[in-house]
Amino acid sequence: RLKRRARRHGQSMEAEVRDILRNAVRDEDGTAARLGSRLRDRFGGIGLDADLPEIRGQKARAARLSR
């Protein structure tokens, strides 16, 4: 089952196990970081220092794609 699950998610079995364990611990302690915090933690060191407007509470808008 693990092999099928990993294949479905497009990753190795080891990466799948890490995800399962990470999610189990996160769900257990209820301290999952919100998306903005996770993005800051992941990309904070690449030099983006501009303030970005907060969009909390705003409705989602469809992306405008041009050809």
N, C-alpha and C. Protein backbone atom coordinates (compact mmCIF):
# COMPACT_ATOMS: atom_id res chain seq x y z
N ARG A 1 0.82 -1.20 0.00
CA ARG A 1 0.00 0.00 0.00
C ARG A 1 0.86 1.26 0.00
N LEU A 2 1.94 1.21 0.73
CA LEU A 2 2.83 2.38 0.78
C LEU A 2 3.43 2.68 -0.59
N LYS A 3 3.83 1.64 -1.28
CA LYS A 3 4.43 1.82 -2.61
C LYS A 3 3.41 2.45 -3.56
N ARG A 4 2.16 1.98 -3.51
CA ARG A 4 1.12 2.54 -4.39
C ARG A 4 0.84 4.00 -4.03
N ARG A 5 0.79 4.26 -2.73
CA ARG A 5 0.52 5.63 -2.28
C ARG A 5 1.64 6.58 -2.73
N ALA A 6 2.88 6.15 -2.57
CA ALA A 6 4.02 6.97 -3.00
C ALA A 6 3.97 7.22 -4.50
N ARG A 7 3.67 6.19 -5.26
CA ARG A 7 3.58 6.33 -6.71
C ARG A 7 2.48 7.32 -7.08
N ARG A 8 1.34 7.24 -6.39
CA ARG A 8 0.23 8.15 -6.64
C ARG A 8 0.62 9.60 -6.37
N HIS A 9 1.46 9.81 -5.36
CA HIS A 9 1.90 11.16 -5.02
C HIS A 9 3.17 11.57 -5.76
N GLY A 10 3.70 10.68 -6.59
CA GLY A 10 4.87 11.02 -7.40
C GLY A 10 6.14 11.19 -6.61
N GLN A 11 6.33 10.36 -5.57
CA GLN A 11 7.54 10.47 -4.77
C GLN A 11 8.00 9.09 -4.31
N SER A 12 9.19 9.07 -3.75
CA SER A 12 9.76 7.81 -3.27
C SER A 12 9.00 7.33 -2.04
N MET A 13 9.16 6.07 -1.71
CA MET A 13 8.53 5.53 -0.50
C MET A 13 9.08 6.24 0.73
N GLU A 14 10.36 6.55 0.73
CA GLU A 14 10.96 7.24 1.88
C GLU A 14 10.34 8.62 2.07
N ALA A 15 10.17 9.34 0.97
CA ALA A 15 9.55 10.67 1.06
C ALA A 15 8.10 10.56 1.52
N GLU A 16 7.42 9.54 1.08
CA GLU A 16 6.03 9.32 1.50
C GLU A 16 5.96 9.05 3.00
N VAL A 17 6.87 8.24 3.51
CA VAL A 17 6.90 7.95 4.95
C VAL A 17 7.16 9.24 5.73
N ARG A 18 8.09 10.07 5.24
CA ARG A 18 8.37 11.34 5.92
C ARG A 18 7.12 12.22 5.96
N ASP A 19 6.39 12.27 4.84
CA ASP A 19 5.16 13.06 4.80
C ASP A 19 4.12 12.52 5.78
N ILE A 20 3.97 11.21 5.81
CA ILE A 20 3.00 10.59 6.72
C ILE A 20 3.34 10.93 8.16
N LEU A 21 4.61 10.78 8.52
CA LEU A 21 5.03 11.07 9.90
C LEU A 21 4.89 12.56 10.23
N ARG A 22 5.28 13.42 9.29
CA ARG A 22 5.17 14.86 9.52
C ARG A 22 3.71 15.25 9.73
N ASN A 23 2.82 14.71 8.91
CA ASN A 23 1.40 15.03 9.04
C ASN A 23 0.82 14.46 10.33
N ALA A 24 1.26 13.29 10.73
CA ALA A 24 0.75 12.69 11.97
C ALA A 24 1.14 13.53 13.17
N VAL A 25 2.37 13.99 13.21
CA VAL A 25 2.82 14.82 14.34
C VAL A 25 2.13 16.17 14.31
N ARG A 26 2.00 16.75 13.15
CA ARG A 26 1.35 18.06 13.03
C ARG A 26 -0.10 17.97 13.49
N ASP A 27 -0.82 16.94 13.06
CA ASP A 27 -2.22 16.79 13.44
C ASP A 27 -2.35 16.53 14.93
N GLU A 28 -1.39 15.85 15.49
CA GLU A 28 -1.44 15.49 16.90
C GLU A 28 -1.32 16.70 17.82
N ASP A 29 -0.40 17.60 17.50
CA ASP A 29 -0.20 18.73 18.40
C ASP A 29 -0.99 19.98 18.00
N GLY A 30 -1.64 19.93 16.83
CA GLY A 30 -2.50 21.03 16.42
C GLY A 30 -1.79 22.34 16.14
N THR A 31 -0.50 22.28 15.82
CA THR A 31 0.25 23.52 15.60
C THR A 31 0.73 23.64 14.16
N ALA A 32 -0.08 23.20 13.24
CA ALA A 32 0.31 23.31 11.83
C ALA A 32 0.45 24.79 11.46
N ALA A 33 1.55 25.13 10.84
CA ALA A 33 1.79 26.51 10.44
C ALA A 33 0.85 26.87 9.29
N ARG A 34 0.43 28.10 9.28
CA ARG A 34 -0.43 28.58 8.21
C ARG A 34 0.41 28.78 6.95
N LEU A 35 -0.27 28.91 5.84
CA LEU A 35 0.42 28.99 4.55
C LEU A 35 1.43 30.13 4.49
N GLY A 36 1.05 31.32 4.92
CA GLY A 36 1.96 32.45 4.87
C GLY A 36 3.23 32.22 5.68
N SER A 37 3.06 31.64 6.86
CA SER A 37 4.22 31.33 7.70
C SER A 37 5.11 30.28 7.06
N ARG A 38 4.49 29.30 6.45
CA ARG A 38 5.27 28.25 5.79
C ARG A 38 6.04 28.81 4.61
N LEU A 39 5.40 29.70 3.83
CA LEU A 39 6.10 30.32 2.69
C LEU A 39 7.26 31.18 3.17
N ARG A 40 7.04 31.96 4.24
CA ARG A 40 8.11 32.79 4.79
C ARG A 40 9.28 31.93 5.25
N ASP A 41 8.97 30.84 5.94
CA ASP A 41 10.03 29.96 6.42
C ASP A 41 10.81 29.33 5.27
N ARG A 42 10.10 28.95 4.22
CA ARG A 42 10.76 28.28 3.11
C ARG A 42 11.56 29.24 2.24
N PHE A 43 11.01 30.40 1.95
CA PHE A 43 11.63 31.30 0.97
C PHE A 43 12.20 32.57 1.60
N GLY A 44 12.19 32.69 2.90
CA GLY A 44 12.64 33.91 3.57
C GLY A 44 14.09 34.26 3.32
N GLY A 45 14.92 33.30 3.02
CA GLY A 45 16.34 33.56 2.86
C GLY A 45 16.78 33.91 1.46
N ILE A 46 15.84 34.13 0.53
CA ILE A 46 16.26 34.37 -0.85
C ILE A 46 16.29 35.85 -1.23
N GLY A 47 16.07 36.74 -0.25
CA GLY A 47 16.24 38.15 -0.53
C GLY A 47 14.98 38.95 -0.74
N LEU A 48 13.81 38.38 -0.65
CA LEU A 48 12.58 39.15 -0.77
C LEU A 48 12.36 39.89 0.53
N ASP A 49 12.46 41.22 0.48
CA ASP A 49 12.28 41.99 1.71
C ASP A 49 11.15 43.02 1.59
N ALA A 50 10.40 42.97 0.50
CA ALA A 50 9.28 43.89 0.32
C ALA A 50 8.10 43.43 1.18
N ASP A 51 7.38 44.41 1.73
CA ASP A 51 6.17 44.08 2.46
C ASP A 51 5.08 43.69 1.47
N LEU A 52 4.40 42.62 1.76
CA LEU A 52 3.32 42.17 0.90
C LEU A 52 2.00 42.42 1.62
N PRO A 53 0.98 42.85 0.88
CA PRO A 53 -0.30 43.14 1.53
C PRO A 53 -0.95 41.86 2.07
N GLU A 54 -1.63 42.00 3.18
CA GLU A 54 -2.34 40.87 3.76
C GLU A 54 -3.64 40.68 3.00
N ILE A 55 -3.97 39.45 2.68
CA ILE A 55 -5.19 39.17 1.92
C ILE A 55 -6.18 38.34 2.72
N ARG A 56 -5.97 38.23 4.00
CA ARG A 56 -6.86 37.44 4.86
C ARG A 56 -8.29 37.97 4.74
N GLY A 57 -9.24 37.08 4.57
CA GLY A 57 -10.64 37.45 4.53
C GLY A 57 -11.14 37.85 3.15
N GLN A 58 -10.26 37.99 2.19
CA GLN A 58 -10.70 38.34 0.84
C GLN A 58 -11.11 37.09 0.09
N LYS A 59 -12.10 37.25 -0.77
CA LYS A 59 -12.56 36.12 -1.57
C LYS A 59 -11.51 35.79 -2.64
N ALA A 60 -11.44 34.52 -2.96
CA ALA A 60 -10.51 34.07 -4.01
C ALA A 60 -11.00 34.57 -5.36
N ARG A 61 -10.05 34.95 -6.20
CA ARG A 61 -10.39 35.40 -7.55
C ARG A 61 -9.74 34.45 -8.55
N ALA A 62 -10.40 34.28 -9.66
CA ALA A 62 -9.85 33.44 -10.73
C ALA A 62 -8.64 34.14 -11.34
N ALA A 63 -7.65 33.36 -11.71
CA ALA A 63 -6.47 33.92 -12.35
C ALA A 63 -6.81 34.39 -13.76
N ARG A 64 -6.21 35.49 -14.16
CA ARG A 64 -6.38 35.98 -15.53
C ARG A 64 -5.17 35.56 -16.34
N LEU A 65 -5.41 34.72 -17.30
CA LEU A 65 -4.32 34.20 -18.13
C LEU A 65 -4.42 34.81 -19.52
N SER A 66 -3.32 35.30 -20.03
CA SER A 66 -3.32 35.86 -21.38
C SER A 66 -2.51 34.95 -22.28
N ARG A 67 -2.80 35.04 -23.53
CA ARG A 67 -2.09 34.19 -24.50
C ARG A 67 -0.99 34.94 -25.15
